[in-house]
Amino acid sequence: MGTTGSSDKGKLNSALPDIIARVREYATVPLAVGFGVATREHFDTVADAGADGVVIGSRLVSVIKNSPVGEASKNVE
């Protein structure tokens, strides 16, 4: 219910807390949410909505790709 890949300007689905609650009714494993998570605000929103984990894979790839040699780990942190 979103767009894959991070976007600093993107918005998260406002129904996320309700969606997480519905999925949790059937889930038997921890619930991780991603799709469009690009900023600290996005991360906090997903975590506050009740997810057990937040997926930010494409953003990490972008940070690593655009980091000067030897600075990737610092920039990811």
N, C-alpha and C. Protein backbone atom coordinates (compact mmCIF):
# COMPACT_ATOMS: atom_id res chain seq x y z
N MET A 1 0.83 -1.19 0.00
CA MET A 1 0.00 0.00 0.00
C MET A 1 0.87 1.25 0.00
N GLY A 2 1.96 1.17 -0.74
CA GLY A 2 2.85 2.30 -0.82
C GLY A 2 3.73 2.15 -2.03
N THR A 3 4.72 2.98 -2.10
CA THR A 3 5.67 2.93 -3.19
C THR A 3 6.99 2.44 -2.66
N THR A 4 7.53 1.43 -3.29
CA THR A 4 8.81 0.92 -2.84
C THR A 4 9.91 1.92 -3.16
N GLY A 5 10.91 1.96 -2.31
CA GLY A 5 11.99 2.92 -2.47
C GLY A 5 11.77 4.13 -1.59
N SER A 6 12.85 4.68 -1.10
CA SER A 6 12.73 5.80 -0.17
C SER A 6 12.54 7.11 -0.90
N SER A 7 11.91 8.03 -0.20
CA SER A 7 11.71 9.37 -0.72
C SER A 7 11.65 10.35 0.44
N ASP A 8 12.57 11.30 0.46
CA ASP A 8 12.58 12.29 1.53
C ASP A 8 11.29 13.10 1.56
N LYS A 9 10.66 13.26 0.40
CA LYS A 9 9.46 14.07 0.30
C LYS A 9 8.18 13.23 0.39
N GLY A 10 8.34 11.92 0.38
CA GLY A 10 7.17 11.04 0.40
C GLY A 10 6.44 11.07 1.72
N LYS A 11 5.19 10.68 1.67
CA LYS A 11 4.37 10.60 2.88
C LYS A 11 4.01 9.15 3.11
N LEU A 12 3.92 8.80 4.37
CA LEU A 12 3.50 7.45 4.72
C LEU A 12 1.98 7.40 4.75
N ASN A 13 1.45 6.23 4.55
CA ASN A 13 0.00 6.02 4.56
C ASN A 13 -0.55 6.39 5.94
N SER A 14 -1.51 7.30 5.99
CA SER A 14 -2.07 7.75 7.27
C SER A 14 -2.86 6.64 7.97
N ALA A 15 -3.24 5.61 7.24
CA ALA A 15 -3.97 4.49 7.83
C ALA A 15 -3.03 3.42 8.39
N LEU A 16 -1.74 3.71 8.45
CA LEU A 16 -0.76 2.71 8.87
C LEU A 16 -1.08 2.07 10.22
N PRO A 17 -1.42 2.82 11.26
CA PRO A 17 -1.74 2.15 12.53
C PRO A 17 -2.88 1.15 12.40
N ASP A 18 -3.91 1.49 11.65
CA ASP A 18 -5.04 0.56 11.46
C ASP A 18 -4.63 -0.65 10.65
N ILE A 19 -3.81 -0.44 9.64
CA ILE A 19 -3.33 -1.56 8.82
C ILE A 19 -2.50 -2.52 9.66
N ILE A 20 -1.60 -1.96 10.47
CA ILE A 20 -0.76 -2.80 11.33
C ILE A 20 -1.63 -3.59 12.30
N ALA A 21 -2.63 -2.96 12.87
CA ALA A 21 -3.53 -3.65 13.80
C ALA A 21 -4.26 -4.80 13.12
N ARG A 22 -4.71 -4.57 11.88
CA ARG A 22 -5.41 -5.64 11.15
C ARG A 22 -4.48 -6.80 10.83
N VAL A 23 -3.27 -6.49 10.38
CA VAL A 23 -2.31 -7.55 10.05
C VAL A 23 -1.93 -8.31 11.31
N ARG A 24 -1.76 -7.60 12.41
CA ARG A 24 -1.35 -8.24 13.66
C ARG A 24 -2.38 -9.27 14.14
N GLU A 25 -3.64 -9.10 13.76
CA GLU A 25 -4.67 -10.07 14.14
C GLU A 25 -4.36 -11.46 13.59
N TYR A 26 -3.65 -11.52 12.47
CA TYR A 26 -3.36 -12.80 11.81
C TYR A 26 -1.89 -13.20 11.86
N ALA A 27 -1.04 -12.27 12.19
CA ALA A 27 0.40 -12.53 12.16
C ALA A 27 0.83 -13.43 13.32
N THR A 28 1.74 -14.33 13.02
CA THR A 28 2.31 -15.19 14.05
C THR A 28 3.81 -14.95 14.18
N VAL A 29 4.29 -13.95 13.50
CA VAL A 29 5.71 -13.58 13.51
C VAL A 29 5.81 -12.07 13.73
N PRO A 30 6.99 -11.57 14.09
CA PRO A 30 7.15 -10.12 14.24
C PRO A 30 6.79 -9.40 12.94
N LEU A 31 6.31 -8.20 13.06
CA LEU A 31 5.82 -7.42 11.93
C LEU A 31 6.80 -6.30 11.60
N ALA A 32 7.38 -6.34 10.40
CA ALA A 32 8.28 -5.28 9.93
C ALA A 32 7.58 -4.53 8.80
N VAL A 33 7.74 -3.23 8.78
CA VAL A 33 7.07 -2.37 7.80
C VAL A 33 8.12 -1.56 7.07
N GLY A 34 7.93 -1.44 5.75
CA GLY A 34 8.83 -0.63 4.94
C GLY A 34 8.05 0.12 3.89
N PHE A 35 8.59 0.25 2.71
CA PHE A 35 7.99 0.96 1.58
C PHE A 35 7.99 2.47 1.80
N GLY A 36 9.01 3.12 1.32
CA GLY A 36 9.05 4.57 1.33
C GLY A 36 9.66 5.19 2.57
N VAL A 37 10.19 4.39 3.49
CA VAL A 37 10.79 4.94 4.70
C VAL A 37 12.13 5.57 4.32
N ALA A 38 12.24 6.89 4.51
CA ALA A 38 13.46 7.58 4.08
C ALA A 38 14.04 8.50 5.14
N THR A 39 13.22 8.95 6.07
CA THR A 39 13.68 9.94 7.04
C THR A 39 13.51 9.41 8.46
N ARG A 40 14.12 10.10 9.40
CA ARG A 40 13.95 9.74 10.82
C ARG A 40 12.47 9.86 11.21
N GLU A 41 11.79 10.87 10.67
CA GLU A 41 10.36 11.04 10.96
C GLU A 41 9.55 9.84 10.47
N HIS A 42 9.87 9.36 9.25
CA HIS A 42 9.20 8.15 8.74
C HIS A 42 9.45 6.97 9.68
N PHE A 43 10.71 6.79 10.06
CA PHE A 43 11.10 5.69 10.94
C PHE A 43 10.29 5.75 12.24
N ASP A 44 10.26 6.93 12.86
CA ASP A 44 9.55 7.09 14.12
C ASP A 44 8.06 6.84 13.96
N THR A 45 7.49 7.30 12.85
CA THR A 45 6.06 7.10 12.59
C THR A 45 5.72 5.61 12.50
N VAL A 46 6.53 4.87 11.76
CA VAL A 46 6.30 3.43 11.61
C VAL A 46 6.46 2.72 12.96
N ALA A 47 7.50 3.07 13.69
CA ALA A 47 7.71 2.46 15.00
C ALA A 47 6.57 2.78 15.95
N ASP A 48 6.14 4.02 15.97
CA ASP A 48 5.04 4.44 16.84
C ASP A 48 3.70 3.81 16.44
N ALA A 49 3.58 3.41 15.17
CA ALA A 49 2.34 2.79 14.68
C ALA A 49 2.21 1.34 15.13
N GLY A 50 3.27 0.79 15.75
CA GLY A 50 3.18 -0.56 16.29
C GLY A 50 3.98 -1.62 15.59
N ALA A 51 4.81 -1.24 14.64
CA ALA A 51 5.64 -2.24 13.96
C ALA A 51 6.75 -2.73 14.89
N ASP A 52 7.12 -3.99 14.72
CA ASP A 52 8.24 -4.55 15.47
C ASP A 52 9.58 -4.18 14.84
N GLY A 53 9.55 -3.89 13.53
CA GLY A 53 10.76 -3.52 12.81
C GLY A 53 10.43 -2.55 11.70
N VAL A 54 11.44 -1.78 11.30
CA VAL A 54 11.27 -0.81 10.22
C VAL A 54 12.30 -1.12 9.15
N VAL A 55 11.84 -1.27 7.90
CA VAL A 55 12.71 -1.62 6.78
C VAL A 55 13.08 -0.34 6.04
N ILE A 56 14.38 -0.06 5.96
CA ILE A 56 14.84 1.15 5.28
C ILE A 56 15.92 0.82 4.26
N GLY A 57 15.81 -0.34 3.64
CA GLY A 57 16.85 -0.87 2.76
C GLY A 57 17.28 0.05 1.64
N SER A 58 16.36 0.60 0.86
CA SER A 58 16.76 1.40 -0.29
C SER A 58 17.45 2.69 0.15
N ARG A 59 17.09 3.22 1.28
CA ARG A 59 17.75 4.42 1.79
C ARG A 59 19.19 4.09 2.18
N LEU A 60 19.39 2.96 2.80
CA LEU A 60 20.75 2.56 3.16
C LEU A 60 21.62 2.40 1.92
N VAL A 61 21.08 1.78 0.89
CA VAL A 61 21.83 1.61 -0.36
C VAL A 61 22.21 2.97 -0.92
N SER A 62 21.31 3.91 -0.90
CA SER A 62 21.56 5.25 -1.41
C SER A 62 22.66 5.96 -0.61
N VAL A 63 22.59 5.87 0.71
CA VAL A 63 23.60 6.51 1.56
C VAL A 63 24.97 5.91 1.30
N ILE A 64 25.04 4.58 1.21
CA ILE A 64 26.31 3.91 0.95
C ILE A 64 26.85 4.32 -0.42
N LYS A 65 25.99 4.30 -1.41
CA LYS A 65 26.40 4.64 -2.78
C LYS A 65 26.96 6.06 -2.89
N ASN A 66 26.38 6.98 -2.15
CA ASN A 66 26.76 8.39 -2.27
C ASN A 66 27.81 8.83 -1.25
N SER A 67 28.32 7.91 -0.45
CA SER A 67 29.32 8.24 0.56
C SER A 67 30.72 8.23 -0.04
N PRO A 68 31.56 9.18 0.38
CA PRO A 68 32.96 9.13 -0.02
C PRO A 68 33.61 7.85 0.51
N VAL A 69 34.67 7.43 -0.14
CA VAL A 69 35.40 6.22 0.25
C VAL A 69 35.77 6.32 1.74
N GLY A 70 35.49 5.27 2.47
CA GLY A 70 35.85 5.20 3.87
C GLY A 70 34.86 5.86 4.83
N GLU A 71 33.79 6.47 4.32
CA GLU A 71 32.84 7.15 5.20
C GLU A 71 31.45 6.52 5.22
N ALA A 72 31.28 5.44 4.49
CA ALA A 72 29.95 4.82 4.39
C ALA A 72 29.41 4.41 5.76
N SER A 73 30.20 3.73 6.57
CA SER A 73 29.68 3.26 7.85
C SER A 73 29.29 4.43 8.76
N LYS A 74 30.07 5.50 8.74
CA LYS A 74 29.75 6.68 9.54
C LYS A 74 28.45 7.30 9.05
N ASN A 75 28.28 7.40 7.75
CA ASN A 75 27.08 8.01 7.19
C ASN A 75 25.83 7.17 7.41
N VAL A 76 25.98 5.85 7.38
CA VAL A 76 24.84 4.97 7.64
C VAL A 76 24.42 5.11 9.11
N GLU A 77 25.40 5.19 9.98
CA GLU A 77 25.11 5.33 11.41
C GLU A 77 24.30 6.57 11.67
